[in-house]
N, C-alpha and C. Protein backbone atom coordinates (compact mmCIF):
# COMPACT_ATOMS: atom_id res chain seq x y z
N MET A 1 -134.95 172.32 63.11
CA MET A 1 -133.88 172.63 64.05
C MET A 1 -134.49 173.61 65.06
N ASP A 2 -134.31 173.31 66.34
CA ASP A 2 -134.83 174.18 67.36
C ASP A 2 -133.72 175.01 68.00
N LEU A 3 -134.11 175.88 68.92
CA LEU A 3 -133.18 176.79 69.58
C LEU A 3 -132.07 176.06 70.33
N LYS A 4 -132.42 174.99 71.00
CA LYS A 4 -131.44 174.21 71.79
C LYS A 4 -130.36 173.60 70.85
N GLU A 5 -130.78 173.05 69.72
CA GLU A 5 -129.80 172.47 68.79
C GLU A 5 -128.90 173.57 68.22
N LEU A 6 -129.49 174.73 67.87
CA LEU A 6 -128.69 175.81 67.33
C LEU A 6 -127.65 176.32 68.33
N LYS A 7 -128.06 176.45 69.58
CA LYS A 7 -127.12 176.88 70.63
C LYS A 7 -126.00 175.87 70.82
N GLU A 8 -126.34 174.55 70.75
CA GLU A 8 -125.30 173.52 70.88
C GLU A 8 -124.30 173.60 69.74
N ILE A 9 -124.79 173.79 68.53
CA ILE A 9 -123.91 173.93 67.38
C ILE A 9 -122.98 175.14 67.55
N LEU A 10 -123.54 176.27 67.94
CA LEU A 10 -122.74 177.48 68.14
C LEU A 10 -121.67 177.27 69.22
N GLN A 11 -122.02 176.58 70.29
CA GLN A 11 -121.08 176.33 71.39
C GLN A 11 -119.94 175.43 70.91
N ILE A 12 -120.26 174.39 70.17
CA ILE A 12 -119.23 173.49 69.66
C ILE A 12 -118.30 174.23 68.71
N LEU A 13 -118.85 175.09 67.84
CA LEU A 13 -118.04 175.83 66.89
C LEU A 13 -117.08 176.80 67.61
N GLU A 14 -117.56 177.42 68.71
CA GLU A 14 -116.71 178.31 69.48
C GLU A 14 -115.59 177.52 70.17
N GLU A 15 -115.93 176.38 70.76
CA GLU A 15 -114.95 175.57 71.49
C GLU A 15 -113.88 175.05 70.55
N LYS A 16 -114.27 174.63 69.39
CA LYS A 16 -113.32 174.03 68.40
C LYS A 16 -112.68 175.10 67.49
N GLU A 17 -113.06 176.38 67.67
CA GLU A 17 -112.54 177.47 66.89
C GLU A 17 -112.71 177.25 65.39
N ILE A 18 -113.87 176.75 65.01
CA ILE A 18 -114.22 176.54 63.61
C ILE A 18 -114.70 177.87 63.04
N THR A 19 -114.18 178.26 61.86
CA THR A 19 -114.52 179.58 61.33
C THR A 19 -115.57 179.52 60.24
N ASP A 20 -115.83 178.35 59.67
CA ASP A 20 -116.80 178.24 58.58
C ASP A 20 -117.55 176.91 58.76
N PHE A 21 -118.88 176.95 58.79
CA PHE A 21 -119.70 175.76 58.99
C PHE A 21 -120.95 175.90 58.15
N GLU A 22 -121.37 174.81 57.51
CA GLU A 22 -122.58 174.81 56.73
C GLU A 22 -123.28 173.47 56.91
N LEU A 23 -124.62 173.57 57.10
CA LEU A 23 -125.46 172.38 57.31
C LEU A 23 -126.71 172.54 56.48
N GLU A 24 -127.09 171.48 55.78
CA GLU A 24 -128.30 171.52 54.96
C GLU A 24 -129.11 170.27 55.26
N GLU A 25 -130.38 170.49 55.58
CA GLU A 25 -131.27 169.36 55.86
C GLU A 25 -132.72 169.73 55.54
N GLU A 26 -133.44 168.88 54.88
CA GLU A 26 -134.85 169.02 54.60
C GLU A 26 -135.32 170.46 54.29
N GLY A 27 -134.77 171.07 53.28
CA GLY A 27 -135.21 172.39 52.88
C GLY A 27 -134.69 173.53 53.74
N MET A 28 -133.78 173.29 54.66
CA MET A 28 -133.21 174.33 55.51
C MET A 28 -131.68 174.33 55.35
N LYS A 29 -131.14 175.50 55.25
CA LYS A 29 -129.67 175.59 55.14
C LYS A 29 -129.16 176.53 56.22
N LEU A 30 -128.17 176.10 56.99
CA LEU A 30 -127.57 176.88 58.04
C LEU A 30 -126.11 177.14 57.65
N ARG A 31 -125.73 178.42 57.61
CA ARG A 31 -124.35 178.78 57.27
C ARG A 31 -123.84 179.68 58.39
N ILE A 32 -122.70 179.34 58.99
CA ILE A 32 -122.10 180.12 60.06
C ILE A 32 -120.64 180.42 59.63
N ARG A 33 -120.32 181.69 59.67
CA ARG A 33 -118.96 182.12 59.34
C ARG A 33 -118.44 183.06 60.40
N LYS A 34 -117.18 182.94 60.73
CA LYS A 34 -116.55 183.79 61.72
C LYS A 34 -115.25 184.31 61.08
N GLY A 35 -115.03 185.62 61.15
CA GLY A 35 -113.86 186.23 60.55
C GLY A 35 -112.58 185.78 61.22
N PRO A 36 -111.42 186.00 60.60
CA PRO A 36 -110.14 185.63 61.16
C PRO A 36 -109.80 186.53 62.36
N ALA A 37 -109.13 185.94 63.33
CA ALA A 37 -108.75 186.67 64.55
C ALA A 37 -107.66 187.67 64.21
N ALA A 38 -107.72 188.86 64.81
CA ALA A 38 -106.71 189.88 64.60
C ALA A 38 -105.48 189.54 65.40
N SER A 39 -104.35 189.63 64.81
CA SER A 39 -103.08 189.32 65.48
C SER A 39 -102.55 190.57 66.15
N ALA A 40 -101.91 190.42 67.31
CA ALA A 40 -101.38 191.53 68.04
C ALA A 40 -100.25 192.20 67.30
N ASN A 41 -99.54 191.47 66.43
CA ASN A 41 -98.40 192.03 65.71
C ASN A 41 -98.81 192.79 64.48
N HIS A 42 -100.04 192.64 64.02
CA HIS A 42 -100.48 193.28 62.80
C HIS A 42 -101.60 194.26 63.09
N ALA A 43 -101.28 195.53 63.16
CA ALA A 43 -102.29 196.57 63.49
C ALA A 43 -103.32 196.68 62.38
N SER A 44 -102.94 196.29 61.16
CA SER A 44 -103.86 196.43 60.04
C SER A 44 -104.72 195.15 59.84
N ALA A 45 -104.56 194.17 60.69
CA ALA A 45 -105.34 192.95 60.54
C ALA A 45 -106.83 193.25 60.75
N PRO A 46 -107.72 192.51 60.06
CA PRO A 46 -109.16 192.79 60.20
C PRO A 46 -109.64 192.53 61.63
N ILE A 47 -110.65 193.29 62.01
CA ILE A 47 -111.25 193.10 63.34
C ILE A 47 -112.07 191.81 63.33
N LEU A 48 -112.06 191.11 64.45
CA LEU A 48 -112.82 189.88 64.57
C LEU A 48 -114.29 190.15 64.37
N ALA A 49 -114.88 189.50 63.41
CA ALA A 49 -116.32 189.65 63.15
C ALA A 49 -117.11 188.82 64.15
N PRO A 50 -118.29 189.29 64.57
CA PRO A 50 -119.11 188.48 65.50
C PRO A 50 -119.57 187.23 64.78
N LEU A 51 -119.80 186.18 65.57
CA LEU A 51 -120.29 184.95 65.03
C LEU A 51 -121.74 185.15 64.60
N VAL A 52 -122.02 184.97 63.30
CA VAL A 52 -123.35 185.22 62.77
C VAL A 52 -123.88 183.96 62.15
N ALA A 53 -125.09 183.59 62.52
CA ALA A 53 -125.76 182.43 61.95
C ALA A 53 -126.88 182.91 61.06
N SER A 54 -126.99 182.33 59.91
CA SER A 54 -128.14 182.66 59.07
C SER A 54 -128.82 181.37 58.62
N VAL A 55 -130.12 181.35 58.67
CA VAL A 55 -130.87 180.20 58.23
C VAL A 55 -131.56 180.60 56.94
N LEU A 56 -131.26 179.90 55.88
CA LEU A 56 -131.81 180.25 54.58
C LEU A 56 -132.54 179.04 54.01
N PRO A 57 -133.65 179.30 53.34
CA PRO A 57 -134.30 178.16 52.63
C PRO A 57 -133.40 177.70 51.51
N SER A 58 -133.23 176.39 51.37
CA SER A 58 -132.42 175.88 50.25
C SER A 58 -133.20 176.03 48.96
N LEU A 59 -132.48 176.05 47.87
CA LEU A 59 -133.13 176.25 46.59
C LEU A 59 -133.82 174.94 46.09
N GLY A 60 -133.56 173.83 46.76
CA GLY A 60 -134.07 172.58 46.28
C GLY A 60 -135.50 172.25 46.58
N GLY A 61 -136.17 172.92 47.53
CA GLY A 61 -137.54 172.55 47.82
C GLY A 61 -138.16 173.46 48.82
N PRO A 62 -139.34 173.09 49.32
CA PRO A 62 -140.02 173.95 50.28
C PRO A 62 -139.29 174.02 51.62
N VAL A 63 -139.49 175.10 52.34
CA VAL A 63 -138.86 175.28 53.61
C VAL A 63 -139.58 174.41 54.62
N SER A 64 -138.85 173.66 55.45
CA SER A 64 -139.50 172.78 56.43
C SER A 64 -140.18 173.61 57.51
N ALA A 65 -141.15 173.00 58.17
CA ALA A 65 -141.85 173.68 59.26
C ALA A 65 -140.93 174.04 60.36
N ALA A 66 -139.95 173.21 60.62
CA ALA A 66 -138.98 173.52 61.72
C ALA A 66 -138.18 174.75 61.39
N ALA A 67 -137.79 174.93 60.13
CA ALA A 67 -137.03 176.10 59.73
C ALA A 67 -137.90 177.35 59.79
N GLN A 68 -139.19 177.22 59.47
CA GLN A 68 -140.08 178.38 59.52
C GLN A 68 -140.39 178.73 60.94
N ALA A 69 -140.53 177.73 61.82
CA ALA A 69 -141.04 177.95 63.16
C ALA A 69 -140.14 178.88 63.96
N SER A 70 -138.83 178.64 63.95
CA SER A 70 -138.03 179.48 64.82
C SER A 70 -136.56 179.45 64.52
N PRO A 71 -136.13 179.94 63.37
CA PRO A 71 -134.70 179.98 63.09
C PRO A 71 -134.01 180.91 64.04
N ALA A 72 -134.72 181.86 64.60
CA ALA A 72 -134.04 182.74 65.56
C ALA A 72 -134.99 183.05 66.70
N ALA A 73 -135.66 182.03 67.16
CA ALA A 73 -136.21 182.20 68.48
C ALA A 73 -134.96 182.00 69.27
N VAL A 74 -133.86 182.39 68.64
CA VAL A 74 -132.51 182.28 69.15
C VAL A 74 -132.46 183.05 70.44
N GLY A 75 -133.57 183.17 71.08
CA GLY A 75 -133.68 183.84 72.36
C GLY A 75 -132.99 185.19 72.35
N ALA A 76 -133.28 185.95 73.34
CA ALA A 76 -132.65 187.25 73.44
C ALA A 76 -131.22 187.03 73.90
N ALA A 77 -130.31 187.68 73.21
CA ALA A 77 -128.92 187.63 73.61
C ALA A 77 -128.77 188.55 74.79
N ALA A 78 -129.20 188.08 75.95
CA ALA A 78 -129.21 188.94 77.13
C ALA A 78 -127.86 188.87 77.83
N THR A 79 -127.06 189.89 77.67
CA THR A 79 -125.75 189.90 78.28
C THR A 79 -125.52 191.26 78.90
N PRO A 80 -125.02 191.29 80.14
CA PRO A 80 -124.73 192.56 80.75
C PRO A 80 -123.52 193.18 80.07
N THR A 81 -123.48 194.51 80.02
CA THR A 81 -122.38 195.17 79.42
C THR A 81 -121.81 196.20 80.39
N ALA A 82 -120.64 196.69 80.09
CA ALA A 82 -119.96 197.66 80.93
C ALA A 82 -120.78 198.97 81.04
N GLU A 83 -121.52 199.32 79.96
CA GLU A 83 -122.28 200.56 79.97
C GLU A 83 -123.52 200.44 80.84
N ALA A 84 -124.02 199.23 81.06
CA ALA A 84 -125.27 199.03 81.83
C ALA A 84 -124.95 199.23 83.33
N GLU A 85 -125.96 199.72 84.04
CA GLU A 85 -125.77 199.87 85.47
C GLU A 85 -125.80 198.51 86.14
N PRO A 86 -125.20 198.38 87.33
CA PRO A 86 -125.15 197.10 88.00
C PRO A 86 -126.57 196.53 88.21
N GLY A 87 -126.72 195.22 87.93
CA GLY A 87 -128.02 194.57 88.10
C GLY A 87 -128.96 194.74 86.95
N VAL A 88 -128.55 195.48 85.90
CA VAL A 88 -129.39 195.70 84.73
C VAL A 88 -128.82 194.87 83.58
N THR A 89 -129.67 194.06 82.95
CA THR A 89 -129.27 193.24 81.83
C THR A 89 -129.75 193.90 80.56
N LEU A 90 -128.85 193.98 79.56
CA LEU A 90 -129.18 194.56 78.29
C LEU A 90 -129.55 193.43 77.34
N VAL A 91 -130.78 193.47 76.81
CA VAL A 91 -131.23 192.47 75.85
C VAL A 91 -130.86 193.02 74.46
N LYS A 92 -130.06 192.22 73.72
CA LYS A 92 -129.59 192.69 72.40
C LYS A 92 -130.24 191.87 71.29
N SER A 93 -130.28 192.48 70.13
CA SER A 93 -130.85 191.76 68.98
C SER A 93 -129.93 190.64 68.53
N PRO A 94 -130.48 189.42 68.42
CA PRO A 94 -129.67 188.30 67.99
C PRO A 94 -129.58 188.22 66.43
N ILE A 95 -130.35 189.06 65.74
CA ILE A 95 -130.42 189.01 64.29
C ILE A 95 -130.63 190.41 63.73
N VAL A 96 -130.50 190.51 62.41
CA VAL A 96 -130.77 191.75 61.68
C VAL A 96 -132.22 191.63 61.21
N GLY A 97 -132.95 192.71 61.35
CA GLY A 97 -134.34 192.69 60.88
C GLY A 97 -135.10 193.94 61.28
N THR A 98 -136.42 193.84 61.34
CA THR A 98 -137.27 194.94 61.72
C THR A 98 -137.91 194.61 63.09
N PHE A 99 -137.77 195.57 64.03
CA PHE A 99 -138.23 195.42 65.42
C PHE A 99 -139.70 195.78 65.53
N TYR A 100 -140.48 194.93 66.21
CA TYR A 100 -141.89 195.20 66.49
C TYR A 100 -142.17 194.95 67.96
N ARG A 101 -142.82 195.92 68.64
CA ARG A 101 -143.18 195.78 70.03
C ARG A 101 -144.50 195.04 70.22
N THR A 102 -145.30 194.92 69.14
CA THR A 102 -146.63 194.31 69.23
C THR A 102 -146.79 193.20 68.24
N PRO A 103 -147.70 192.24 68.54
CA PRO A 103 -147.90 191.12 67.58
C PRO A 103 -148.63 191.59 66.31
N ASP A 104 -149.40 192.67 66.40
CA ASP A 104 -150.02 193.31 65.24
C ASP A 104 -150.26 194.77 65.55
N PRO A 105 -150.47 195.61 64.53
CA PRO A 105 -150.55 197.05 64.76
C PRO A 105 -151.60 197.52 65.78
N SER A 106 -152.69 196.79 65.89
CA SER A 106 -153.76 197.23 66.82
C SER A 106 -153.65 196.64 68.23
N ALA A 107 -152.68 195.75 68.45
CA ALA A 107 -152.52 195.13 69.74
C ALA A 107 -151.62 195.94 70.68
N PRO A 108 -151.77 195.76 72.02
CA PRO A 108 -150.88 196.42 72.94
C PRO A 108 -149.47 195.81 72.87
N PRO A 109 -148.44 196.56 73.31
CA PRO A 109 -147.05 196.02 73.29
C PRO A 109 -146.93 194.77 74.16
N PHE A 110 -145.99 193.91 73.78
CA PHE A 110 -145.71 192.71 74.59
C PHE A 110 -145.34 193.12 76.01
N VAL A 111 -144.45 194.15 76.13
CA VAL A 111 -144.02 194.64 77.45
C VAL A 111 -143.85 196.17 77.38
N ASP A 112 -144.00 196.81 78.54
CA ASP A 112 -143.80 198.26 78.66
C ASP A 112 -142.80 198.49 79.79
N VAL A 113 -142.27 199.71 79.86
CA VAL A 113 -141.40 200.09 80.99
C VAL A 113 -142.24 199.96 82.28
N GLY A 114 -141.61 199.33 83.26
CA GLY A 114 -142.29 199.12 84.56
C GLY A 114 -142.91 197.73 84.68
N ASP A 115 -143.08 197.01 83.55
CA ASP A 115 -143.65 195.64 83.62
C ASP A 115 -142.65 194.70 84.25
N HIS A 116 -143.21 193.75 85.03
CA HIS A 116 -142.38 192.66 85.61
C HIS A 116 -142.51 191.49 84.64
N ILE A 117 -141.35 190.97 84.21
CA ILE A 117 -141.35 189.84 83.24
C ILE A 117 -140.76 188.61 83.84
N ARG A 118 -141.06 187.50 83.20
CA ARG A 118 -140.53 186.19 83.66
C ARG A 118 -139.63 185.61 82.52
N VAL A 119 -138.82 184.65 82.86
CA VAL A 119 -137.96 184.00 81.88
C VAL A 119 -138.85 183.32 80.86
N GLY A 120 -138.52 183.50 79.58
CA GLY A 120 -139.29 182.89 78.51
C GLY A 120 -140.44 183.74 77.98
N GLN A 121 -140.72 184.85 78.65
CA GLN A 121 -141.81 185.73 78.18
C GLN A 121 -141.38 186.44 76.91
N VAL A 122 -142.27 186.58 75.94
CA VAL A 122 -141.99 187.28 74.69
C VAL A 122 -141.87 188.78 74.98
N LEU A 123 -140.77 189.36 74.52
CA LEU A 123 -140.52 190.78 74.70
C LEU A 123 -140.87 191.58 73.44
N CYS A 124 -140.61 190.97 72.27
CA CYS A 124 -140.83 191.67 70.99
C CYS A 124 -140.76 190.66 69.87
N ILE A 125 -140.93 191.14 68.66
CA ILE A 125 -140.74 190.31 67.45
C ILE A 125 -139.72 191.03 66.53
N ILE A 126 -138.86 190.28 65.92
CA ILE A 126 -137.98 190.82 64.93
C ILE A 126 -138.30 190.07 63.62
N GLU A 127 -138.70 190.84 62.63
CA GLU A 127 -139.01 190.24 61.32
C GLU A 127 -137.70 190.19 60.50
N ALA A 128 -137.40 189.02 60.04
CA ALA A 128 -136.19 188.81 59.18
C ALA A 128 -136.57 187.86 58.07
N MET A 129 -136.37 188.27 56.85
CA MET A 129 -136.66 187.44 55.66
C MET A 129 -138.08 186.89 55.72
N LYS A 130 -139.02 187.75 56.03
CA LYS A 130 -140.46 187.42 56.05
C LYS A 130 -140.83 186.43 57.18
N LEU A 131 -139.92 186.16 58.12
CA LEU A 131 -140.20 185.30 59.27
C LEU A 131 -140.29 186.16 60.51
N MET A 132 -141.29 185.90 61.32
CA MET A 132 -141.48 186.64 62.56
C MET A 132 -140.80 185.83 63.69
N ASN A 133 -139.75 186.42 64.28
CA ASN A 133 -138.97 185.76 65.29
C ASN A 133 -139.25 186.37 66.67
N GLU A 134 -139.83 185.58 67.56
CA GLU A 134 -140.13 186.06 68.91
C GLU A 134 -138.84 186.08 69.71
N ILE A 135 -138.59 187.22 70.36
CA ILE A 135 -137.43 187.38 71.24
C ILE A 135 -137.93 187.25 72.66
N GLU A 136 -137.40 186.27 73.39
CA GLU A 136 -137.85 185.97 74.73
C GLU A 136 -136.87 186.44 75.77
N ALA A 137 -137.39 186.72 76.98
CA ALA A 137 -136.54 187.13 78.09
C ALA A 137 -135.74 185.94 78.60
N GLU A 138 -134.48 186.18 78.89
CA GLU A 138 -133.64 185.17 79.51
C GLU A 138 -133.44 185.40 80.99
N VAL A 139 -133.96 186.55 81.47
CA VAL A 139 -133.90 186.84 82.92
C VAL A 139 -135.30 187.35 83.33
N ALA A 140 -135.57 187.12 84.62
CA ALA A 140 -136.83 187.68 85.18
C ALA A 140 -136.48 189.01 85.83
N GLY A 141 -137.39 189.95 85.75
CA GLY A 141 -137.16 191.24 86.37
C GLY A 141 -138.09 192.31 85.83
N GLU A 142 -137.67 193.57 85.99
CA GLU A 142 -138.48 194.71 85.61
C GLU A 142 -137.91 195.39 84.36
N VAL A 143 -138.75 195.68 83.41
CA VAL A 143 -138.31 196.41 82.21
C VAL A 143 -138.07 197.87 82.62
N VAL A 144 -136.81 198.35 82.46
CA VAL A 144 -136.50 199.71 82.85
C VAL A 144 -136.35 200.63 81.62
N LYS A 145 -136.14 200.06 80.44
CA LYS A 145 -136.02 200.91 79.26
C LYS A 145 -136.31 200.07 77.99
N VAL A 146 -137.00 200.68 77.03
CA VAL A 146 -137.20 200.12 75.72
C VAL A 146 -136.38 200.99 74.77
N HIS A 147 -135.39 200.39 74.13
CA HIS A 147 -134.43 201.13 73.30
C HIS A 147 -134.88 201.39 71.88
N ARG A 148 -135.90 200.71 71.40
CA ARG A 148 -136.33 200.82 69.99
C ARG A 148 -137.84 201.09 69.93
N GLU A 149 -138.26 201.64 68.77
CA GLU A 149 -139.68 201.82 68.49
C GLU A 149 -140.08 200.82 67.42
N SER A 150 -141.36 200.49 67.42
CA SER A 150 -141.88 199.56 66.39
C SER A 150 -141.61 200.06 64.98
N GLY A 151 -141.20 199.11 64.15
CA GLY A 151 -140.94 199.45 62.73
C GLY A 151 -139.53 199.85 62.45
N GLN A 152 -138.70 200.03 63.52
CA GLN A 152 -137.29 200.43 63.31
C GLN A 152 -136.45 199.23 62.88
N PRO A 153 -135.51 199.42 61.97
CA PRO A 153 -134.57 198.36 61.65
C PRO A 153 -133.58 198.16 62.79
N VAL A 154 -133.17 196.91 63.03
CA VAL A 154 -132.15 196.64 64.04
C VAL A 154 -131.08 195.75 63.41
N GLN A 155 -129.86 195.94 63.94
CA GLN A 155 -128.72 195.17 63.51
C GLN A 155 -128.39 194.16 64.60
N TYR A 156 -127.58 193.20 64.28
CA TYR A 156 -127.07 192.23 65.24
C TYR A 156 -126.38 192.94 66.39
N GLY A 157 -126.79 192.73 67.63
CA GLY A 157 -126.12 193.33 68.78
C GLY A 157 -126.73 194.66 69.23
N ASP A 158 -127.71 195.21 68.49
CA ASP A 158 -128.36 196.44 68.93
C ASP A 158 -129.13 196.23 70.21
N ALA A 159 -129.10 197.25 71.10
CA ALA A 159 -129.83 197.16 72.36
C ALA A 159 -131.34 197.24 72.07
N LEU A 160 -132.09 196.35 72.72
CA LEU A 160 -133.54 196.32 72.58
C LEU A 160 -134.26 196.76 73.88
N PHE A 161 -133.84 196.13 74.98
CA PHE A 161 -134.45 196.39 76.28
C PHE A 161 -133.37 196.38 77.36
N SER A 162 -133.64 197.16 78.44
CA SER A 162 -132.83 197.05 79.65
C SER A 162 -133.76 196.46 80.71
N ILE A 163 -133.29 195.42 81.41
CA ILE A 163 -134.10 194.73 82.39
C ILE A 163 -133.32 194.67 83.73
N ARG A 164 -133.97 195.16 84.79
CA ARG A 164 -133.36 195.05 86.12
C ARG A 164 -133.74 193.69 86.65
N ALA A 165 -132.72 192.80 86.75
CA ALA A 165 -132.98 191.42 87.15
C ALA A 165 -133.43 191.29 88.58
N ASP A 166 -134.31 190.30 88.82
CA ASP A 166 -134.72 189.98 90.19
C ASP A 166 -133.54 189.44 90.96
N ARG A 167 -133.58 189.65 92.25
CA ARG A 167 -132.47 189.13 93.08
C ARG A 167 -132.76 187.80 93.65
């Protein structure tokens, strides 16, 4: 399963308002769950949980190469937020894991503050379940801030980079 297929599945699930989805194929298992929507009449109703996808190896056999290659090259969830200054895109973590700025400890960082980046350029790696997931830029522009240090744990939605998009 590649990034494009995963994004299509997520889009269909959002459009159809499906709250629980599971797919298993050739040693790869995909489970997506979304919490119940909070009703306006019930103040004690649970808060809507973010849509979270997890790719797990199935217990039946070896993990397929496609599952190992990029379960979360799920690209950078680059979305502007109200806190960001105008024209600056906040790149958020699409998964839970450990943030790394370099491909290995002795290598230079993928990007630094002041670097000009292009769409698809690797910004960092997030290690999750022993898989190294490259997070790529979804916008071209200048890196204005790096929000994390190598080796720090990150949660879904944590800020990773601020990028001033090209005009």
